[in-house]
Structure formats: structure tokens, C-alpha cells
């Protein structure tokens, strides 16, 4: 199951001016490198057996891991979408058919190329993902050696060891990623634990599916041909499924919209309220603007308009913020008609009181006169300096 593509640090934007936990993320990268090295050295101290029969080179494994990182399956489970990259399938194959060093190199190089060249991830996000790939691969190799005894032969214990190794790697991924996400946006811990459990379950199922190509390849290298054909059919089928799912989602939204229209109130219920709203706007907003602009001369009309708009916008924002609290509006009041009715009544009474108070303030504080603009002075004004007669211009003759 793929989780690194969309869940690394910079996928979550902190709110406001919250300090970004970059230092903790870098410290976590260092811890992952140290922990991964510890598990890797434990594998080198007691390495597993060499592959039996088929040997997969590191570059082919890198291509397989890159493909699983590039092509991610989005499966809708209830109201949540699960992203599955089936990277556990090449991991299970590599545990049996590759050397540990080849697996480690391929597991890091393949997805890293996709992250850096295709997804263009930031350096911090890429560092977290690469360190996580290194650590979870080392953990998978160590669990496979400890549980399976280092054997690469076909047996129940080695199959269980491979599935547990893939599940342990996914558990490391999800714990680290959910920790980073919690640093950035918080959230309840229970939801994070549920996400880890679901992810590990999907990884276990994907690893179990990986046993099928493992046993198929025991028949020889030619068995890779039908496996490749089955993979192509699976990808084409998923593309068709995704296209049909998008169409079905669009039709579902259209059906929901049509159903909601059936319960919309009739025009006779809405029209009176709209008429009253229009009358109120025309009776209050237009006179208020005219009063503000007419109280000053034309030279200060722009300032009057700006002050009027600023005060009106500030008052509307304050009313939107304070009025619901004063009326007792809560989360349940928006959906339950029985709770919304008394709250709406309280809000209307508060609005009536504010309008009466505003009218009283306007009556006592706004003078009932309009300042006449000062007429410009002309040269004929007695108060102006006298006009000097220009001397006659000589024609020069």
C-alpha cells in the first residue's frame, strides 16, 4: 500500500503562523537512518540463504518498485479512499529471489527516482521518504531472517515470514508518516491508530497476494510471461474501473442534486422573504450612502465613500461573528428544524433591536442638513482682486 506519495511533511499546510516542525522532521530522518543501519548490520551479521533457482538483478527490482510507486490504485472503502501501490508484491519476490544488498539498493533507488524526477518533491519530503524506504527495507529483511530462519526455500514458515516482513515495513511507514502529519496539523490519535491498522491490513493482503507470483516463478523464468500478461490485464482493468467510477460518481452527484431540488421550498415560500430583503436594502443602504456622500462637498466625496464602506464592512463582519453566539446558534441548530426555529427567532429580535438603536443614534447624531458646496471664485467676484487691464499691443507700424 503506497502512502509516501501524498502524506509527507509539505503535503500538510500549517495554519496561520504556526512554527513548522522542520527541526523535528530532520531529527526523525537521522533517527530513521540510524535505526535502519542497526537492522541492516544485524542482517549482514546473519544473512539469509542465497536465492534458489531464479535470481532477480537489482535494476529489474528497481524498475518494479518504481512501477508500483508510479501506478497507485485508489479503492473506495466506505467514505474513505485507500491508496494501494502493491509494492509488497515485488518486496516478497525480492526476499526470495534477490540478495539483500540488491533488494536494499532497488527499494531505495526505484521509488526515489519517481519522487525526485516525476513528482518533483521538495528536498525535505524526499529526504524523509528515502530515509523511510531505507529503514523499512532493513526492518523487512531483519523480520524475514528472524521469523523464517534465513531460509529462502518454499515452506509455511518462510511464507509467513515474508508476509510479516512486508507488514512490518508498512507499519514503520505508517507510524512515521502519521507522526509527521500530527506534528503539522494535529488531529485525534484514535484516527491515526485506525489508519495504521487499516494500512497494515491492506499490506498484509497485498503481501499474501505476492505469494502467487512467487510460487509461479518456481516453475522457471518462462512463468514470468503469463505473470506479466496478467499484470497488464490488471492495469487495463483498473483503468476501466476508475473511468466507470468517475462516471458513476458524477451521476451520483447529479442524482443527489435532483433529489435535493424536490425538497426545496416553493417559490411562494421564498418570494416574500426575498421581497422583504430587497425592500430593506433599498430603504436602508441607498439612504445611508446618500447621507454619507451628501454630508461633504464634492472634494471629499471619495473619502466619505471609503469611510462609509469600511464601517459597513466592519460592522457586517462583527455581526456575522457575534450574532450567532448571541442567538445561541450551535452545530446541531443548523440541521435540526426544531432547534433552528427558536434560534432564528432570537437572531431576528436582536437584529430588530440593533436597527432601532441605530435609528436612534442616527436621529440624534446625524444633523438634518446638507453642506452646500463652496462655489468657485470667478474674476467677477467682488471679493476677488481686481482685474488689471492689459495694455494695447502695438502693431509696430
Protein backbone atom coordinates (compact mmCIF):
# COMPACT_ATOMS: atom_id res chain seq x y z
CA UNK A 1 0.00 0.00 0.00
CA UNK A 2 1.50 3.30 -1.05
CA UNK A 3 1.42 6.17 1.42
CA UNK A 4 4.56 8.15 0.79
CA UNK A 5 3.33 9.97 -2.31
CA UNK A 6 0.85 12.31 -0.62
CA UNK A 7 1.48 12.20 3.10
CA UNK A 8 4.94 13.56 3.61
CA UNK A 9 5.51 16.80 5.50
CA UNK A 10 4.82 19.52 2.98
CA UNK A 11 1.54 17.93 1.90
CA UNK A 12 0.06 19.43 5.07
CA UNK A 13 -0.01 23.20 5.39
CA UNK A 14 0.17 24.60 8.90
CA UNK A 15 -2.50 27.05 9.94
CA UNK A 16 -1.73 30.69 10.49
CA UNK A 17 1.78 31.48 11.65
CA UNK A 18 2.35 28.16 13.41
CA UNK A 19 6.00 27.25 13.60
CA UNK A 20 6.84 24.46 11.18
CA UNK A 21 8.46 21.43 12.89
CA UNK A 22 11.30 21.21 10.36
CA UNK A 23 13.86 20.55 13.07
CA UNK A 24 11.94 17.58 14.42
CA UNK A 25 11.49 16.21 10.90
CA UNK A 26 15.23 16.40 10.25
CA UNK A 27 15.90 14.71 13.60
CA UNK A 28 13.45 11.98 12.61
CA UNK A 29 15.33 11.47 9.33
CA UNK A 30 18.55 10.96 11.29
CA UNK A 31 16.82 8.50 13.65
CA UNK A 32 15.48 6.53 10.68
CA UNK A 33 18.98 6.33 9.20
CA UNK A 34 20.43 5.08 12.50
CA UNK A 35 17.64 2.56 13.11
CA UNK A 36 17.81 1.31 9.54
CA UNK A 37 21.58 0.88 9.79
CA UNK A 38 21.19 -1.10 13.01
CA UNK A 39 18.74 -3.52 11.39
CA UNK A 40 20.89 -3.71 8.25
CA UNK A 41 24.02 -4.66 10.21
CA UNK A 42 22.03 -7.33 12.03
CA UNK A 43 21.08 -8.78 8.64
CA UNK A 44 24.70 -8.69 7.49
CA UNK A 45 25.77 -10.49 10.66
CA UNK A 46 23.47 -13.42 9.85
CA UNK A 47 22.45 -13.09 6.16
CA UNK A 48 19.71 -15.21 4.59
CA UNK A 49 20.39 -18.04 2.19
CA UNK A 50 21.15 -17.35 -1.46
CA UNK A 51 18.20 -17.38 -3.88
CA UNK A 52 17.14 -20.80 -5.10
CA UNK A 53 16.96 -21.14 -8.88
CA UNK A 54 15.92 -17.72 -10.18
CA UNK A 55 17.91 -14.59 -9.38
CA UNK A 56 16.40 -11.11 -9.99
CA UNK A 57 19.01 -8.36 -10.57
CA UNK A 58 18.78 -5.08 -8.67
CA UNK A 59 17.98 -2.95 -11.72
CA UNK A 60 14.96 -5.08 -12.59
CA UNK A 61 13.77 -4.85 -9.00
CA UNK A 62 14.26 -1.07 -9.13
CA UNK A 63 12.02 -0.91 -12.19
CA UNK A 64 9.40 -3.00 -10.42
CA UNK A 65 9.43 -0.79 -7.32
CA UNK A 66 9.33 2.34 -9.49
CA UNK A 67 6.32 0.97 -11.38
CA UNK A 68 4.43 0.22 -8.18
CA UNK A 69 5.25 3.70 -6.90
CA UNK A 70 4.07 5.29 -10.14
CA UNK A 71 0.85 3.33 -10.64
CA UNK A 72 -1.21 3.59 -7.49
CA UNK A 73 -4.65 2.04 -7.10
CA UNK A 74 -7.36 4.19 -5.45
CA UNK A 75 -10.01 1.97 -3.92
CA UNK A 76 -13.11 3.44 -2.26
CA UNK A 77 -13.85 1.78 1.09
CA UNK A 78 -16.99 3.28 2.60
CA UNK A 79 -16.46 7.03 2.81
CA UNK A 80 -12.67 6.80 2.67
CA UNK A 81 -10.35 6.28 -0.29
CA UNK A 82 -7.45 3.86 0.19
CA UNK A 83 -4.34 4.20 -1.98
CA UNK A 84 -2.72 0.86 -2.78
CA UNK A 85 0.60 0.63 -4.62
CA UNK A 86 1.06 -3.18 -4.30
CA UNK A 87 4.77 -2.58 -3.61
CA UNK A 88 4.59 -5.56 -1.26
CA UNK A 89 4.46 -7.93 -4.27
CA UNK A 90 7.97 -7.09 -5.58
CA UNK A 91 9.17 -6.96 -1.96
CA UNK A 92 8.03 -10.55 -1.35
CA UNK A 93 9.64 -11.65 -4.63
CA UNK A 94 12.90 -9.94 -3.71
CA UNK A 95 13.04 -11.60 -0.30
CA UNK A 96 13.24 -14.98 -2.06
CA UNK A 97 14.86 -14.18 -5.41
CA UNK A 98 17.39 -11.39 -4.68
CA UNK A 99 20.40 -10.76 -2.49
CA UNK A 100 19.79 -8.45 0.50
CA UNK A 101 22.10 -5.74 -0.90
CA UNK A 102 20.30 -5.82 -4.26
CA UNK A 103 16.94 -5.52 -2.52
CA UNK A 104 18.10 -2.56 -0.43
CA UNK A 105 19.51 -0.68 -3.42
CA UNK A 106 16.49 -1.35 -5.63
CA UNK A 107 14.00 -0.50 -2.91
CA UNK A 108 15.61 2.93 -2.39
CA UNK A 109 16.68 3.85 -5.93
CA UNK A 110 13.49 2.92 -7.82
CA UNK A 111 10.94 4.95 -5.81
CA UNK A 112 13.48 7.75 -5.21
CA UNK A 113 13.72 8.37 -8.96
CA UNK A 114 9.94 8.64 -9.19
CA UNK A 115 9.79 11.03 -6.24
CA UNK A 116 12.55 13.32 -7.49
CA UNK A 117 12.06 13.24 -11.26
CA UNK A 118 8.33 12.60 -11.69
CA UNK A 119 6.66 14.05 -8.61
CA UNK A 120 9.30 16.78 -8.07
CA UNK A 121 9.15 16.51 -4.31
CA UNK A 122 10.92 19.03 -2.10
CA UNK A 123 14.26 18.12 -0.57
CA UNK A 124 12.80 17.72 2.92
CA UNK A 125 9.99 15.48 1.71
CA UNK A 126 12.35 13.41 -0.45
CA UNK A 127 14.78 13.03 2.47
CA UNK A 128 12.00 11.72 4.70
CA UNK A 129 10.77 9.28 2.08
CA UNK A 130 14.25 7.97 1.17
CA UNK A 131 15.20 7.51 4.83
CA UNK A 132 11.88 5.76 5.39
CA UNK A 133 12.49 3.42 2.44
CA UNK A 134 15.91 2.57 3.77
CA UNK A 135 14.61 1.89 7.28
CA UNK A 136 11.53 -0.15 6.34
CA UNK A 137 13.56 -2.31 3.91
CA UNK A 138 16.10 -3.07 6.62
CA UNK A 139 13.27 -3.90 9.03
CA UNK A 140 11.64 -6.20 6.44
CA UNK A 141 14.92 -8.07 5.86
CA UNK A 142 15.51 -8.45 9.59
CA UNK A 143 11.99 -9.76 10.26
CA UNK A 144 12.27 -12.18 7.33
CA UNK A 145 15.55 -13.56 8.70
CA UNK A 146 14.37 -13.77 12.29
CA UNK A 147 10.98 -15.41 11.61
CA UNK A 148 11.97 -17.60 8.66
CA UNK A 149 15.39 -18.53 9.96
CA UNK A 150 17.11 -17.09 6.87
CA UNK A 151 15.76 -19.78 4.55
CA UNK A 152 14.59 -18.94 1.03
CA UNK A 153 13.03 -22.35 0.39
CA UNK A 154 9.29 -22.82 -0.01
CA UNK A 155 7.68 -23.60 3.33
CA UNK A 156 4.97 -22.33 5.59
CA UNK A 157 7.35 -20.51 7.98
CA UNK A 158 9.15 -18.69 5.17
CA UNK A 159 5.86 -17.61 3.56
CA UNK A 160 4.62 -16.33 6.92
CA UNK A 161 7.97 -14.59 7.42
CA UNK A 162 7.65 -12.81 4.06
CA UNK A 163 4.11 -11.61 4.83
CA UNK A 164 5.14 -10.43 8.31
CA UNK A 165 8.19 -8.67 6.84
CA UNK A 166 6.04 -6.69 4.39
CA UNK A 167 3.53 -5.88 7.13
CA UNK A 168 6.28 -4.70 9.48
CA UNK A 169 7.71 -2.44 6.76
CA UNK A 170 4.28 -0.90 6.20
CA UNK A 171 3.78 -0.44 9.94
CA UNK A 172 7.03 1.53 10.13
CA UNK A 173 5.91 3.66 7.17
CA UNK A 174 2.52 4.47 8.62
CA UNK A 175 3.73 5.19 12.16
CA UNK A 176 6.38 7.62 10.91
CA UNK A 177 4.11 9.35 8.39
CA UNK A 178 1.22 9.73 10.82
CA UNK A 179 3.62 11.14 13.40
CA UNK A 180 4.82 13.79 10.94
CA UNK A 181 1.26 14.65 9.90
CA UNK A 182 0.29 15.04 13.54
CA UNK A 183 3.19 17.45 14.04
CA UNK A 184 1.86 19.62 11.25
CA UNK A 185 -1.91 19.59 11.63
CA UNK A 186 -2.65 17.77 14.87
CA UNK A 187 -5.76 15.62 14.86
CA UNK A 188 -7.09 12.86 17.12
CA UNK A 189 -4.76 9.99 17.89
CA UNK A 190 -7.54 7.44 17.51
CA UNK A 191 -7.92 8.30 13.83
CA UNK A 192 -4.16 7.85 13.33
CA UNK A 193 -4.22 4.45 15.04
CA UNK A 194 -7.14 3.38 12.85
CA UNK A 195 -5.20 4.48 9.77
CA UNK A 196 -2.18 2.39 10.81
CA UNK A 197 -4.34 -0.68 11.43
CA UNK A 198 -6.10 -0.36 8.08
CA UNK A 199 -2.83 0.18 6.24
CA UNK A 200 -1.14 -2.82 7.82
CA UNK A 201 -4.16 -4.97 6.98
CA UNK A 202 -4.05 -3.94 3.32
CA UNK A 203 -0.28 -4.50 3.21
CA UNK A 204 -0.76 -8.00 4.65
CA UNK A 205 -3.33 -8.81 1.97
CA UNK A 206 -1.05 -7.45 -0.76
CA UNK A 207 1.91 -9.47 0.55
CA UNK A 208 -0.23 -12.59 0.62
CA UNK A 209 -1.13 -11.92 -2.99
CA UNK A 210 2.59 -11.68 -3.70
CA UNK A 211 2.99 -15.37 -2.81
CA UNK A 212 1.15 -16.25 -6.03
CA UNK A 213 3.84 -14.92 -8.42
CA UNK A 214 6.47 -16.28 -6.03
CA UNK A 215 5.25 -19.82 -6.42
CA UNK A 216 4.56 -19.32 -10.13
CA UNK A 217 8.17 -18.34 -10.79
CA UNK A 218 9.31 -21.59 -9.21
CA UNK A 219 8.28 -23.18 -12.50
CA UNK A 220 11.03 -21.27 -14.30
CA UNK A 221 11.75 -17.92 -15.89
CA UNK A 222 9.17 -18.56 -18.63
CA UNK A 223 6.47 -18.29 -15.98
CA UNK A 224 7.16 -14.54 -15.90
CA UNK A 225 5.41 -14.20 -19.29
CA UNK A 226 1.88 -15.06 -18.06
CA UNK A 227 2.54 -13.08 -14.89
CA UNK A 228 3.42 -10.03 -16.96
CA UNK A 229 0.34 -10.53 -19.13
CA UNK A 230 -1.83 -10.82 -16.01
CA UNK A 231 -0.31 -7.59 -14.67
CA UNK A 232 -1.10 -5.75 -17.90
CA UNK A 233 -4.68 -7.02 -17.85
CA UNK A 234 -4.95 -5.93 -14.22
CA UNK A 235 -3.75 -2.40 -15.04
CA UNK A 236 -6.09 -2.07 -18.04
CA UNK A 237 -8.99 -3.36 -15.99
CA UNK A 238 -8.26 -0.90 -13.22
CA UNK A 239 -8.14 1.99 -15.68
CA UNK A 240 -11.56 0.97 -16.97
CA UNK A 241 -12.83 0.63 -13.40
CA UNK A 242 -11.51 4.09 -12.50
CA UNK A 243 -13.19 5.63 -15.54
CA UNK A 244 -16.51 3.98 -14.72
CA UNK A 245 -16.14 5.02 -11.08
CA UNK A 246 -15.69 8.65 -12.11
CA UNK A 247 -18.79 8.50 -14.30
CA UNK A 248 -20.77 6.82 -11.55
CA UNK A 249 -19.63 9.49 -9.10
CA UNK A 250 -20.78 12.25 -11.46
CA UNK A 251 -24.17 10.57 -11.91
CA UNK A 252 -24.48 10.11 -8.17
CA UNK A 253 -23.84 13.81 -7.57
CA UNK A 254 -26.41 14.71 -10.25
CA UNK A 255 -28.96 12.37 -8.65
CA UNK A 256 -28.30 13.87 -5.21
CA UNK A 257 -28.74 17.37 -6.60
CA UNK A 258 -32.01 16.39 -8.29
CA UNK A 259 -33.26 14.79 -5.10
CA UNK A 260 -32.45 17.90 -3.10
CA UNK A 261 -34.40 20.02 -5.57
CA UNK A 262 -37.52 18.02 -4.73
CA UNK A 263 -37.42 19.23 -1.14
CA UNK A 264 -36.65 22.88 -1.95
CA UNK A 265 -39.42 25.21 -0.70
CA UNK A 266 -41.90 26.52 -3.21
CA UNK A 267 -41.46 29.97 -4.73
CA UNK A 268 -44.45 31.22 -2.70
CA UNK A 269 -42.48 30.41 0.48
CA UNK A 270 -39.25 32.06 -0.65
CA UNK A 271 -40.53 35.05 -2.65
CA UNK A 272 -41.98 37.05 0.30
CA UNK A 273 -38.68 36.79 2.18
CA UNK A 274 -36.71 37.89 -0.87
CA UNK A 275 -39.07 40.87 -1.41
CA UNK A 276 -38.68 41.94 2.21
CA UNK A 277 -34.90 41.65 1.89
CA UNK A 278 -34.91 43.80 -1.24
CA UNK A 279 -37.14 46.44 0.38
CA UNK A 280 -34.85 46.56 3.38
CA UNK A 281 -31.75 47.02 1.26
CA UNK A 282 -33.36 49.76 -0.84
CA UNK A 283 -34.77 51.53 2.24
CA UNK A 284 -31.55 51.47 4.29
CA UNK A 285 -28.46 51.06 2.13
CA UNK A 286 -29.26 53.69 -0.51
CA UNK A 287 -30.22 56.46 2.01
CA UNK A 288 -27.16 55.65 4.13
CA UNK A 289 -24.84 56.02 1.15
CA UNK A 290 -26.58 59.22 0.02
CA UNK A 291 -26.33 60.69 3.52
CA UNK A 292 -22.63 59.89 3.78
CA UNK A 293 -21.83 61.36 0.37
CA UNK A 294 -24.12 64.38 0.73
CA UNK A 295 -22.74 65.47 4.11
CA UNK A 296 -19.50 66.68 2.50
CA UNK A 297 -18.63 68.66 -0.57
CA UNK A 298 -17.56 67.06 -3.81
CA UNK A 299 -13.86 67.38 -2.99
CA UNK A 300 -14.28 64.91 -0.09
CA UNK A 301 -16.76 62.53 -1.72
CA UNK A 302 -14.14 59.83 -2.19
CA UNK A 303 -13.13 59.91 1.48
CA UNK A 304 -16.77 59.79 2.54
CA UNK A 305 -17.44 56.77 0.35
CA UNK A 306 -14.35 54.94 1.67
CA UNK A 307 -15.27 55.60 5.32
CA UNK A 308 -18.84 54.50 4.68
CA UNK A 309 -17.78 51.24 3.03
CA UNK A 310 -15.15 50.48 5.68
CA UNK A 311 -17.58 50.99 8.56
CA UNK A 312 -20.31 48.97 6.82
CA UNK A 313 -17.98 46.03 6.09
CA UNK A 314 -16.51 46.03 9.60
CA UNK A 315 -19.98 46.12 11.14
CA UNK A 316 -21.18 43.26 8.94
CA UNK A 317 -18.18 41.11 9.89
CA UNK A 318 -18.71 41.80 13.57
CA UNK A 319 -22.40 40.96 13.28
CA UNK A 320 -21.63 37.68 11.49
CA UNK A 321 -19.17 36.74 14.24
CA UNK A 322 -21.20 37.85 17.26
CA UNK A 323 -24.82 37.38 16.25
CA UNK A 324 -24.78 33.54 16.06
CA UNK A 325 -23.20 33.34 19.52
CA UNK A 326 -25.65 35.80 20.97
CA UNK A 327 -28.60 33.94 19.46
CA UNK A 328 -27.37 30.56 20.73
CA UNK A 329 -26.57 29.05 17.35
CA UNK A 330 -24.71 25.71 17.62
CA UNK A 331 -23.70 22.82 15.41
CA UNK A 332 -26.94 20.92 15.94
CA UNK A 333 -29.06 24.01 15.39
CA UNK A 334 -28.17 24.11 11.70
CA UNK A 335 -29.60 20.70 10.86
CA UNK A 336 -32.48 20.18 13.31
CA UNK A 337 -35.52 22.28 12.44
CA UNK A 338 -36.87 22.20 16.00
CA UNK A 339 -33.65 23.73 17.34
CA UNK A 340 -33.18 26.20 14.49
CA UNK A 341 -36.60 27.86 14.89
CA UNK A 342 -36.09 29.46 18.34
CA UNK A 343 -32.51 30.41 17.49
CA UNK A 344 -33.65 32.12 14.29
CA UNK A 345 -36.32 33.97 16.27
CA UNK A 346 -33.73 35.21 18.76
CA UNK A 347 -31.47 36.35 15.92
CA UNK A 348 -34.30 38.34 14.31
CA UNK A 349 -35.18 40.01 17.63
CA UNK A 350 -31.55 41.00 18.12
CA UNK A 351 -31.46 42.44 14.60
CA UNK A 352 -34.62 44.45 15.27
CA UNK A 353 -33.06 45.82 18.44
CA UNK A 354 -29.90 46.79 16.60
CA UNK A 355 -31.90 48.55 13.89
CA UNK A 356 -33.91 50.52 16.45
CA UNK A 357 -30.72 51.51 18.25
CA UNK A 358 -29.05 52.50 15.01
CA UNK A 359 -32.06 54.60 14.03
CA UNK A 360 -31.98 56.41 17.38
CA UNK A 361 -28.26 57.13 17.05
CA UNK A 362 -28.75 58.39 13.51
CA UNK A 363 -31.64 60.66 14.61
CA UNK A 364 -29.64 62.32 17.37
CA UNK A 365 -26.13 62.33 15.92
CA UNK A 366 -26.60 62.99 12.18
CA UNK A 367 -27.65 66.61 11.50
CA UNK A 368 -30.61 67.15 9.22
CA UNK A 369 -28.78 69.43 6.82
CA UNK A 370 -26.60 69.09 3.78
CA UNK A 371 -23.49 71.19 3.47
CA UNK A 372 -23.64 73.24 0.34
CA UNK A 373 -20.53 73.02 -1.76
CA UNK A 374 -18.41 76.19 -1.90
CA UNK A 375 -18.76 77.77 -5.34
CA UNK A 376 -15.52 78.50 -7.12
CA UNK A 377 -14.45 82.12 -7.27
CA UNK A 378 -14.56 83.94 -10.56
CA UNK A 379 -12.78 87.06 -11.73
CA UNK A 380 -16.03 88.98 -11.43
CA UNK A 381 -16.40 88.22 -7.74
CA UNK A 382 -16.19 91.46 -5.70
CA UNK A 383 -14.08 89.68 -3.14
CA UNK A 384 -11.53 88.73 -5.76
CA UNK A 385 -8.63 91.04 -6.64
CA UNK A 386 -9.45 93.49 -9.44
CA UNK A 387 -8.70 92.54 -12.96
CA UNK A 388 -5.87 94.57 -14.43
CA UNK A 389 -6.46 95.88 -17.90
CA UNK A 390 -3.91 94.67 -20.40
CA UNK A 391 -2.09 97.44 -22.29
CA UNK A 392 -2.78 97.64 -26.02
CA UNK A 393 -0.39 95.77 -28.21
CA UNK A 394 1.41 97.96 -30.72
CA UNK A 395 1.26 96.84 -34.28
CA UNK A 396 4.76 98.15 -34.96
CA UNK A 397 3.72 100.41 -37.82
